Amino acid sequence: MADQTTSSITIAAEPAQIMAVIADFAAYPTWAAAVKEVEVTSTYEDGRAAQVRFDLNAGAIKDEYTLAYTWDADREVRWTLVEGKVLKALDGAYTLRDKGRGNTEVTYRLVVDVSIPMIGLIKRKAEKVIIDTALKELKKKVEGV
């Protein structure tokens, strides 16, 4: 497996509230700037997404791709790339840890690999920008700031 990039942020909300925002893929284009279009293509019996198609424009990385999701209640969601045009790998996870007093630590792990040649350092920087932007946007959406 390729090197992963990891970052964390504390959000003033309960894990269930944060996971509800993460699981609401249809709303992503309204608060996640890089996500232009989303379509849930299959779901589990509990209604959570099993596969989701994205149209992404994250500056250095632009692609249409599909991710497969696995959920661990309101503790963690993991995803892996099913198919993409530019992406060869997009594997990651949000892990939520209740810190008490209405605060949750959200850790985002991501591994990205693209079909075009890209120096490892540039790829890691792109991953870091994607992660930091996603965490800040998630925090803003959940906290209503």
Protein backbone atom coordinates (compact mmCIF):
# COMPACT_ATOMS: atom_id res chain seq x y z
CA MET A 1 0.00 0.00 0.00
CA ALA A 2 1.20 3.52 -0.77
CA ASP A 3 2.04 6.01 1.95
CA GLN A 4 -1.01 7.58 3.49
CA THR A 5 -1.62 11.15 4.58
CA THR A 6 -3.45 11.72 7.86
CA SER A 7 -4.84 14.77 9.61
CA SER A 8 -7.28 15.40 12.47
CA ILE A 9 -9.60 18.16 13.64
CA THR A 10 -11.91 18.59 16.63
CA ILE A 11 -15.54 19.40 15.83
CA ALA A 12 -18.02 20.69 18.40
CA ALA A 13 -20.65 17.99 17.81
CA GLU A 14 -21.51 14.41 18.73
CA PRO A 15 -20.17 11.61 16.46
CA ALA A 16 -23.69 10.74 15.20
CA GLN A 17 -24.26 14.33 14.06
CA ILE A 18 -20.94 14.39 12.18
CA MET A 19 -21.48 10.98 10.59
CA ALA A 20 -24.93 12.10 9.42
CA VAL A 21 -23.26 14.95 7.50
CA ILE A 22 -20.59 12.59 6.10
CA ALA A 23 -23.29 10.11 4.99
CA ASP A 24 -25.42 12.79 3.27
CA PHE A 25 -23.65 12.57 -0.08
CA ALA A 26 -26.37 14.45 -1.97
CA ALA A 27 -25.49 17.57 0.01
CA TYR A 28 -21.73 17.46 -0.68
CA PRO A 29 -21.80 19.89 -3.65
CA THR A 30 -23.36 22.53 -1.34
CA TRP A 31 -20.50 22.51 1.17
CA ALA A 32 -17.51 20.60 -0.29
CA ALA A 33 -16.04 22.97 -2.89
CA ALA A 34 -14.15 20.32 -4.89
CA VAL A 35 -17.22 18.07 -5.26
CA LYS A 36 -19.20 19.14 -8.30
CA GLU A 37 -21.70 16.25 -8.57
CA VAL A 38 -22.59 13.15 -6.54
CA GLU A 39 -24.80 10.15 -7.23
CA VAL A 40 -25.41 7.32 -4.77
CA THR A 41 -25.52 4.26 -7.04
CA SER A 42 -26.23 1.59 -4.39
CA THR A 43 -27.12 1.42 -0.71
CA TYR A 44 -27.05 -1.00 2.19
CA GLU A 45 -30.27 -2.17 3.89
CA ASP A 46 -29.84 0.55 6.55
CA GLY A 47 -29.95 3.21 3.83
CA ARG A 48 -26.28 4.21 3.98
CA ALA A 49 -24.40 4.42 0.71
CA ALA A 50 -22.56 1.34 -0.55
CA GLN A 51 -21.27 2.95 -3.77
CA VAL A 52 -21.14 6.59 -4.78
CA ARG A 53 -20.13 8.26 -8.05
CA PHE A 54 -18.34 11.62 -7.79
CA ASP A 55 -17.35 14.40 -10.17
CA LEU A 56 -14.35 16.04 -8.47
CA ASN A 57 -12.34 19.14 -9.29
CA ALA A 58 -9.68 19.49 -6.58
CA GLY A 59 -7.25 21.62 -8.57
CA ALA A 60 -4.41 19.15 -9.14
CA ILE A 61 -6.84 16.22 -9.30
CA LYS A 62 -9.90 16.28 -11.56
CA ASP A 63 -11.81 13.08 -12.14
CA GLU A 64 -15.10 11.21 -12.30
CA TYR A 65 -14.87 8.15 -10.08
CA THR A 66 -16.84 5.67 -7.99
CA LEU A 67 -16.08 4.73 -4.38
CA ALA A 68 -17.27 1.73 -2.35
CA TYR A 69 -18.05 2.44 1.33
CA THR A 70 -18.07 0.38 4.51
CA TRP A 71 -19.54 1.79 7.71
CA ASP A 72 -18.80 1.04 11.37
CA ALA A 73 -21.82 2.68 13.00
CA ASP A 74 -20.92 6.30 13.85
CA ARG A 75 -17.28 5.42 14.58
CA GLU A 76 -15.75 5.06 11.14
CA VAL A 77 -16.41 5.05 7.43
CA ARG A 78 -13.90 3.62 4.96
CA TRP A 79 -13.84 3.86 1.20
CA THR A 80 -11.93 2.40 -1.71
CA LEU A 81 -11.83 3.25 -5.40
CA VAL A 82 -14.02 1.09 -7.65
CA GLU A 83 -13.22 2.94 -10.87
CA GLY A 84 -11.82 6.25 -12.01
CA LYS A 85 -10.47 7.90 -15.14
CA VAL A 86 -7.38 9.59 -13.68
CA LEU A 87 -7.32 8.01 -10.23
CA LYS A 88 -5.74 4.56 -9.79
CA ALA A 89 -6.33 4.54 -6.02
CA LEU A 90 -8.39 6.64 -3.64
CA ASP A 91 -8.59 4.81 -0.36
CA GLY A 92 -9.39 6.50 2.90
CA ALA A 93 -11.38 6.77 6.09
CA TYR A 94 -12.98 9.14 8.53
CA THR A 95 -12.54 7.92 12.11
CA LEU A 96 -14.59 9.66 14.81
CA ARG A 97 -13.53 9.62 18.47
CA ASP A 98 -15.87 11.07 21.10
CA LYS A 99 -13.84 13.40 23.28
CA GLY A 100 -16.77 14.18 25.61
CA ARG A 101 -18.55 17.48 26.30
CA GLY A 102 -19.98 17.53 22.78
CA ASN A 103 -16.60 17.37 21.03
CA THR A 104 -15.42 14.77 18.52
CA GLU A 105 -11.99 14.26 17.04
CA VAL A 106 -12.28 13.48 13.34
CA THR A 107 -9.27 11.83 11.71
CA TYR A 108 -9.09 11.65 7.92
CA ARG A 109 -6.71 9.15 6.29
CA LEU A 110 -6.16 9.17 2.54
CA VAL A 111 -4.09 7.36 -0.08
CA VAL A 112 -4.23 8.74 -3.62
CA ASP A 113 -2.57 7.36 -6.74
CA VAL A 114 -3.06 8.80 -10.20
CA SER A 115 -2.47 7.39 -13.67
CA ILE A 116 -0.44 10.42 -14.73
CA PRO A 117 3.17 10.70 -13.55
CA MET A 118 3.40 12.75 -10.37
CA ILE A 119 6.36 13.17 -8.03
CA GLY A 120 5.66 11.63 -4.61
CA LEU A 121 6.23 14.93 -2.80
CA ILE A 122 3.69 16.70 -5.01
CA LYS A 123 1.21 13.83 -4.54
CA ARG A 124 1.57 14.01 -0.72
CA LYS A 125 1.06 17.80 -0.85
CA ALA A 126 -2.08 17.31 -2.95
CA GLU A 127 -3.36 14.72 -0.44
CA LYS A 128 -2.65 17.13 2.45
CA VAL A 129 -4.55 19.95 0.73
CA ILE A 130 -7.51 17.62 0.00
CA ILE A 131 -7.60 16.38 3.61
CA ASP A 132 -7.18 19.76 5.28
CA THR A 133 -9.80 21.34 3.02
CA ALA A 134 -12.24 18.47 3.60
CA LEU A 135 -11.83 18.63 7.40
CA LYS A 136 -12.28 22.42 7.49
CA GLU A 137 -15.34 22.23 5.24
CA LEU A 138 -16.82 19.39 7.34
CA LYS A 139 -16.26 21.36 10.55
CA LYS A 140 -17.86 24.46 9.04
CA LYS A 141 -20.88 22.45 7.78
CA VAL A 142 -21.43 20.58 11.07
CA GLU A 143 -20.90 23.58 13.36
CA GLY A 144 -22.84 25.93 11.08
CA VAL A 145 -20.02 28.49 11.20
